[in-house]
Amino acid sequence: MHSYRIRTATAADLDEARVVMLDTVYRDFGTGYVPHWHADIIDPETFYVTPPRHTLLVAVDERDGTVAATGALDARGPAHPPNPRRLAERYPSGVTAQLRRVYVRPEHRRRGLARQLVDGLLDFAKADGGYRAVYLHTYPHAPGAMGLWQTLGTKVCDEREEVSGGGSGVVHFEIPMI
């Protein structure tokens, strides 16, 4: 039985966290590394560790100390483009906590790690006091993603339904800050 510890990432965790994130964009998303979309993966310190209103959490496997999962939060709302204008207006930067990079290595899935990471990210957003909403987007083909987000939040936009030919395939959610 695995035991995990959820905690704020340290400098020593960043290389392993980066590997979890890159493996996910290659394996689960099929996009590979796209500099415009994934600069935060290459430099998580600048995006999540240094800014005071941002964070990167990791789930560490206590058996061997490896990073099994990641979850990040920042104060950047969804940009338009590529996201629909109404989402950028509804979730402006500065007052929107955007959940990002909630990724779990395949061999550690189905153990509640993503949910624990999200709980930690929501606690961080509440403690900040300046966020009015929690937003995220996901790809429905990512293993476990839709099931998790549908249990935790409300779908606010499904781009598969908006553009002929399937659109971008991105689904957007709002998670309550309870």
C-alpha atoms as a PDB file:
ATOM      1  CA  MET A   1       0.000   0.000   0.000  1.00  0.00           C
ATOM      2  CA  HIS A   2       1.334   3.390  -1.000  1.00  0.00           C
ATOM      3  CA  SER A   3       1.379   6.310   1.354  1.00  0.00           C
ATOM      4  CA  TYR A   4       1.619   9.846   0.009  1.00  0.00           C
ATOM      5  CA  ARG A   5       2.294  13.265   1.404  1.00  0.00           C
ATOM      6  CA  ILE A   6       0.776  16.332  -0.266  1.00  0.00           C
ATOM      7  CA  ARG A   7       2.942  19.415   0.170  1.00  0.00           C
ATOM      8  CA  THR A   8       4.169  22.588  -1.440  1.00  0.00           C
ATOM      9  CA  ALA A   9       6.886  21.842  -3.966  1.00  0.00           C
ATOM     10  CA  THR A  10      10.443  22.726  -3.065  1.00  0.00           C
ATOM     11  CA  ALA A  11      13.314  23.464  -5.431  1.00  0.00           C
ATOM     12  CA  ALA A  12      14.378  19.833  -5.027  1.00  0.00           C
ATOM     13  CA  ASP A  13      11.002  18.660  -6.413  1.00  0.00           C
ATOM     14  CA  LEU A  14      10.963  20.739  -9.577  1.00  0.00           C
ATOM     15  CA  ASP A  15      12.837  18.345 -11.887  1.00  0.00           C
ATOM     16  CA  GLU A  16      10.564  15.424 -10.984  1.00  0.00           C
ATOM     17  CA  ALA A  17       7.450  17.604 -11.167  1.00  0.00           C
ATOM     18  CA  ARG A  18       8.522  18.726 -14.643  1.00  0.00           C
ATOM     19  CA  VAL A  19       8.865  15.080 -15.718  1.00  0.00           C
ATOM     20  CA  VAL A  20       5.336  14.266 -14.463  1.00  0.00           C
ATOM     21  CA  MET A  21       3.964  17.235 -16.425  1.00  0.00           C
ATOM     22  CA  LEU A  22       5.896  16.564 -19.633  1.00  0.00           C
ATOM     23  CA  ASP A  23       5.020  12.864 -19.573  1.00  0.00           C
ATOM     24  CA  THR A  24       1.354  13.850 -19.303  1.00  0.00           C
ATOM     25  CA  VAL A  25       1.338  16.258 -22.249  1.00  0.00           C
ATOM     26  CA  TYR A  26       3.089  13.694 -24.415  1.00  0.00           C
ATOM     27  CA  ARG A  27       1.296  10.503 -23.291  1.00  0.00           C
ATOM     28  CA  ASP A  28      -2.200  11.629 -22.278  1.00  0.00           C
ATOM     29  CA  PHE A  29      -2.749  14.740 -24.390  1.00  0.00           C
ATOM     30  CA  GLY A  30      -0.763  13.739 -27.443  1.00  0.00           C
ATOM     31  CA  THR A  31       0.333  17.343 -27.991  1.00  0.00           C
ATOM     32  CA  GLY A  32       3.894  17.033 -26.810  1.00  0.00           C
ATOM     33  CA  TYR A  33       5.657  20.133 -25.600  1.00  0.00           C
ATOM     34  CA  VAL A  34       4.273  23.333 -27.146  1.00  0.00           C
ATOM     35  CA  PRO A  35       6.300  26.353 -25.940  1.00  0.00           C
ATOM     36  CA  HIS A  36       3.379  28.805 -26.039  1.00  0.00           C
ATOM     37  CA  TRP A  37       1.185  26.515 -23.918  1.00  0.00           C
ATOM     38  CA  HIS A  38       3.763  24.818 -21.719  1.00  0.00           C
ATOM     39  CA  ALA A  39       6.348  27.440 -20.700  1.00  0.00           C
ATOM     40  CA  ASP A  40       5.229  26.921 -17.089  1.00  0.00           C
ATOM     41  CA  ILE A  41       6.220  23.262 -17.280  1.00  0.00           C
ATOM     42  CA  ILE A  42       9.771  24.123 -18.274  1.00  0.00           C
ATOM     43  CA  ASP A  43      10.061  26.878 -15.651  1.00  0.00           C
ATOM     44  CA  PRO A  44       7.708  26.012 -12.774  1.00  0.00           C
ATOM     45  CA  GLU A  45       9.714  28.109 -10.340  1.00  0.00           C
ATOM     46  CA  THR A  46       8.989  31.379 -12.173  1.00  0.00           C
ATOM     47  CA  PHE A  47       5.329  30.507 -12.752  1.00  0.00           C
ATOM     48  CA  TYR A  48       4.334  28.799  -9.487  1.00  0.00           C
ATOM     49  CA  VAL A  49       7.006  28.922  -6.771  1.00  0.00           C
ATOM     50  CA  THR A  50       8.198  32.541  -6.795  1.00  0.00           C
ATOM     51  CA  PRO A  51       4.913  34.525  -7.199  1.00  0.00           C
ATOM     52  CA  PRO A  52       3.226  34.865  -3.789  1.00  0.00           C
ATOM     53  CA  ARG A  53      -0.322  34.181  -5.061  1.00  0.00           C
ATOM     54  CA  HIS A  54       0.693  31.083  -7.025  1.00  0.00           C
ATOM     55  CA  THR A  55       1.590  27.606  -5.823  1.00  0.00           C
ATOM     56  CA  LEU A  56       2.737  24.200  -6.976  1.00  0.00           C
ATOM     57  CA  LEU A  57       1.782  21.202  -4.869  1.00  0.00           C
ATOM     58  CA  VAL A  58       3.219  17.721  -5.207  1.00  0.00           C
ATOM     59  CA  ALA A  59       2.139  14.306  -3.995  1.00  0.00           C
ATOM     60  CA  VAL A  60       5.247  12.509  -2.826  1.00  0.00           C
ATOM     61  CA  ASP A  61       5.357   8.713  -2.614  1.00  0.00           C
ATOM     62  CA  GLU A  62       6.645   8.143   0.911  1.00  0.00           C
ATOM     63  CA  ARG A  63       8.185   4.783  -0.024  1.00  0.00           C
ATOM     64  CA  ASP A  64      10.840   6.296  -2.276  1.00  0.00           C
ATOM     65  CA  GLY A  65      10.380  10.085  -2.114  1.00  0.00           C
ATOM     66  CA  THR A  66       9.432  10.443  -5.783  1.00  0.00           C
ATOM     67  CA  VAL A  67       6.869  12.892  -7.095  1.00  0.00           C
ATOM     68  CA  ALA A  68       3.749  10.922  -8.039  1.00  0.00           C
ATOM     69  CA  ALA A  69       1.470  13.847  -8.931  1.00  0.00           C
ATOM     70  CA  THR A  70       1.360  17.622  -9.370  1.00  0.00           C
ATOM     71  CA  GLY A  71      -1.184  20.404  -9.034  1.00  0.00           C
ATOM     72  CA  ALA A  72      -0.689  24.120  -9.598  1.00  0.00           C
ATOM     73  CA  LEU A  73      -2.642  27.330  -9.135  1.00  0.00           C
ATOM     74  CA  ASP A  74      -2.036  30.795 -10.507  1.00  0.00           C
ATOM     75  CA  ALA A  75      -3.849  34.121 -10.792  1.00  0.00           C
ATOM     76  CA  ARG A  76      -4.015  34.117 -14.589  1.00  0.00           C
ATOM     77  CA  GLY A  77      -7.511  33.798 -15.980  1.00  0.00           C
ATOM     78  CA  PRO A  78      -8.156  32.117 -19.322  1.00  0.00           C
ATOM     79  CA  ALA A  79      -6.734  34.128 -22.204  1.00  0.00           C
ATOM     80  CA  HIS A  80      -8.732  35.089 -25.276  1.00  0.00           C
ATOM     81  CA  PRO A  81      -7.787  33.806 -27.749  1.00  0.00           C
ATOM     82  CA  PRO A  82      -7.590  30.787 -27.659  1.00  0.00           C
ATOM     83  CA  ASN A  83     -10.417  30.583 -25.106  1.00  0.00           C
ATOM     84  CA  PRO A  84     -13.855  32.078 -25.786  1.00  0.00           C
ATOM     85  CA  ARG A  85     -14.036  35.797 -24.988  1.00  0.00           C
ATOM     86  CA  ARG A  86     -16.912  35.305 -22.543  1.00  0.00           C
ATOM     87  CA  LEU A  87     -14.700  33.065 -20.377  1.00  0.00           C
ATOM     88  CA  ALA A  88     -11.877  35.597 -20.317  1.00  0.00           C
ATOM     89  CA  GLU A  89     -14.407  38.245 -19.235  1.00  0.00           C
ATOM     90  CA  ARG A  90     -16.060  36.010 -16.629  1.00  0.00           C
ATOM     91  CA  TYR A  91     -12.742  34.850 -15.122  1.00  0.00           C
ATOM     92  CA  PRO A  92     -10.364  37.848 -15.231  1.00  0.00           C
ATOM     93  CA  SER A  93      -6.748  37.593 -14.186  1.00  0.00           C
ATOM     94  CA  GLY A  94      -5.999  38.706 -10.653  1.00  0.00           C
ATOM     95  CA  VAL A  95      -9.290  37.561  -9.114  1.00  0.00           C
ATOM     96  CA  THR A  96      -9.444  34.113 -10.730  1.00  0.00           C
ATOM     97  CA  ALA A  97      -7.539  31.168  -9.307  1.00  0.00           C
ATOM     98  CA  GLN A  98      -6.814  28.927 -12.262  1.00  0.00           C
ATOM     99  CA  LEU A  99      -6.072  25.302 -11.482  1.00  0.00           C
ATOM    100  CA  ARG A 100      -3.360  23.921 -13.716  1.00  0.00           C
ATOM    101  CA  ARG A 101      -1.251  20.821 -14.172  1.00  0.00           C
ATOM    102  CA  VAL A 102      -3.281  18.481 -11.961  1.00  0.00           C
ATOM    103  CA  TYR A 103      -1.507  15.393 -13.259  1.00  0.00           C
ATOM    104  CA  VAL A 104      -0.991  11.946 -11.737  1.00  0.00           C
ATOM    105  CA  ARG A 105       1.479   9.355 -12.976  1.00  0.00           C
ATOM    106  CA  PRO A 106      -0.455   6.351 -14.384  1.00  0.00           C
ATOM    107  CA  GLU A 107       0.891   3.923 -11.789  1.00  0.00           C
ATOM    108  CA  HIS A 108      -0.417   6.162  -8.977  1.00  0.00           C
ATOM    109  CA  ARG A 109      -3.910   6.824 -10.350  1.00  0.00           C
ATOM    110  CA  ARG A 110      -7.170   5.849  -8.651  1.00  0.00           C
ATOM    111  CA  ARG A 111      -5.790   6.608  -5.180  1.00  0.00           C
ATOM    112  CA  GLY A 112      -7.411  10.008  -4.624  1.00  0.00           C
ATOM    113  CA  LEU A 113      -4.269  12.047  -5.277  1.00  0.00           C
ATOM    114  CA  ALA A 114      -5.848  14.482  -7.740  1.00  0.00           C
ATOM    115  CA  ARG A 115      -8.700  15.211  -5.348  1.00  0.00           C
ATOM    116  CA  GLN A 116      -6.270  15.748  -2.457  1.00  0.00           C
ATOM    117  CA  LEU A 117      -4.199  18.106  -4.591  1.00  0.00           C
ATOM    118  CA  VAL A 118      -7.313  20.050  -5.594  1.00  0.00           C
ATOM    119  CA  ASP A 119      -8.352  20.303  -1.933  1.00  0.00           C
ATOM    120  CA  GLY A 120      -4.932  21.748  -1.129  1.00  0.00           C
ATOM    121  CA  LEU A 121      -5.150  24.198  -4.033  1.00  0.00           C
ATOM    122  CA  LEU A 122      -8.619  25.332  -2.934  1.00  0.00           C
ATOM    123  CA  ASP A 123      -7.325  25.847   0.625  1.00  0.00           C
ATOM    124  CA  PHE A 124      -4.521  27.980  -0.824  1.00  0.00           C
ATOM    125  CA  ALA A 125      -7.002  30.060  -2.866  1.00  0.00           C
ATOM    126  CA  LYS A 126      -9.262  30.612   0.159  1.00  0.00           C
ATOM    127  CA  ALA A 127      -6.325  31.604   2.376  1.00  0.00           C
ATOM    128  CA  ASP A 128      -5.205  34.143  -0.236  1.00  0.00           C
ATOM    129  CA  GLY A 129      -8.487  36.003   0.185  1.00  0.00           C
ATOM    130  CA  GLY A 130      -8.316  37.783  -3.173  1.00  0.00           C
ATOM    131  CA  TYR A 131      -9.799  35.167  -5.460  1.00  0.00           C
ATOM    132  CA  ARG A 132     -13.480  35.357  -6.465  1.00  0.00           C
ATOM    133  CA  ALA A 133     -13.607  32.219  -8.602  1.00  0.00           C
ATOM    134  CA  VAL A 134     -11.729  28.997  -9.315  1.00  0.00           C
ATOM    135  CA  TYR A 135     -11.503  28.032 -12.984  1.00  0.00           C
ATOM    136  CA  LEU A 136      -9.856  25.294 -15.037  1.00  0.00           C
ATOM    137  CA  HIS A 137      -9.982  23.732 -18.446  1.00  0.00           C
ATOM    138  CA  THR A 138      -9.374  20.126 -19.372  1.00  0.00           C
ATOM    139  CA  TYR A 139      -9.275  17.738 -22.272  1.00  0.00           C
ATOM    140  CA  PRO A 140     -12.021  15.115 -22.017  1.00  0.00           C
ATOM    141  CA  HIS A 141      -9.783  12.389 -23.443  1.00  0.00           C
ATOM    142  CA  ALA A 142      -7.320  12.751 -20.543  1.00  0.00           C
ATOM    143  CA  PRO A 143      -7.709   9.666 -18.326  1.00  0.00           C
ATOM    144  CA  GLY A 144      -9.989  10.399 -15.364  1.00  0.00           C
ATOM    145  CA  ALA A 145     -10.227  14.128 -16.036  1.00  0.00           C
ATOM    146  CA  MET A 146     -13.913  14.523 -16.837  1.00  0.00           C
ATOM    147  CA  GLY A 147     -15.038  12.294 -13.992  1.00  0.00           C
ATOM    148  CA  LEU A 148     -12.980  14.245 -11.474  1.00  0.00           C
ATOM    149  CA  TRP A 149     -13.990  17.712 -12.617  1.00  0.00           C
ATOM    150  CA  GLN A 150     -17.676  16.817 -12.992  1.00  0.00           C
ATOM    151  CA  THR A 151     -17.766  15.689  -9.349  1.00  0.00           C
ATOM    152  CA  LEU A 152     -15.939  18.793  -8.113  1.00  0.00           C
ATOM    153  CA  GLY A 153     -17.395  21.587 -10.209  1.00  0.00           C
ATOM    154  CA  THR A 154     -19.752  22.881 -12.840  1.00  0.00           C
ATOM    155  CA  LYS A 155     -19.124  22.758 -16.570  1.00  0.00           C
ATOM    156  CA  VAL A 156     -19.311  26.331 -17.877  1.00  0.00           C
ATOM    157  CA  CYS A 157     -18.319  25.734 -21.503  1.00  0.00           C
ATOM    158  CA  ASP A 158     -17.835  22.679 -23.685  1.00  0.00           C
ATOM    159  CA  GLU A 159     -16.036  23.742 -26.829  1.00  0.00           C
ATOM    160  CA  ARG A 160     -16.834  20.411 -28.474  1.00  0.00           C
ATOM    161  CA  GLU A 161     -20.446  21.637 -28.655  1.00  0.00           C
ATOM    162  CA  GLU A 162     -19.653  25.114 -29.938  1.00  0.00           C
ATOM    163  CA  VAL A 163     -17.672  24.712 -33.121  1.00  0.00           C
ATOM    164  CA  SER A 164     -18.629  22.521 -36.051  1.00  0.00           C
ATOM    165  CA  GLY A 165     -16.225  19.666 -36.468  1.00  0.00           C
ATOM    166  CA  GLY A 166     -15.661  19.189 -32.744  1.00  0.00           C
ATOM    167  CA  GLY A 167     -13.956  22.476 -31.901  1.00  0.00           C
ATOM    168  CA  SER A 168     -10.858  22.433 -29.753  1.00  0.00           C
ATOM    169  CA  GLY A 169     -12.174  19.694 -27.522  1.00  0.00           C
ATOM    170  CA  VAL A 170     -11.516  21.774 -24.400  1.00  0.00           C
ATOM    171  CA  VAL A 171     -14.039  21.688 -21.560  1.00  0.00           C
ATOM    172  CA  HIS A 172     -14.077  24.517 -19.002  1.00  0.00           C
ATOM    173  CA  PHE A 173     -15.160  24.216 -15.351  1.00  0.00           C
ATOM    174  CA  GLU A 174     -15.729  26.388 -12.324  1.00  0.00           C
ATOM    175  CA  ILE A 175     -14.987  24.843  -8.940  1.00  0.00           C
ATOM    176  CA  PRO A 176     -16.734  26.299  -5.893  1.00  0.00           C
ATOM    177  CA  MET A 177     -14.552  27.777  -3.162  1.00  0.00           C
ATOM    178  CA  ILE A 178     -16.381  26.191  -0.242  1.00  0.00           C
END
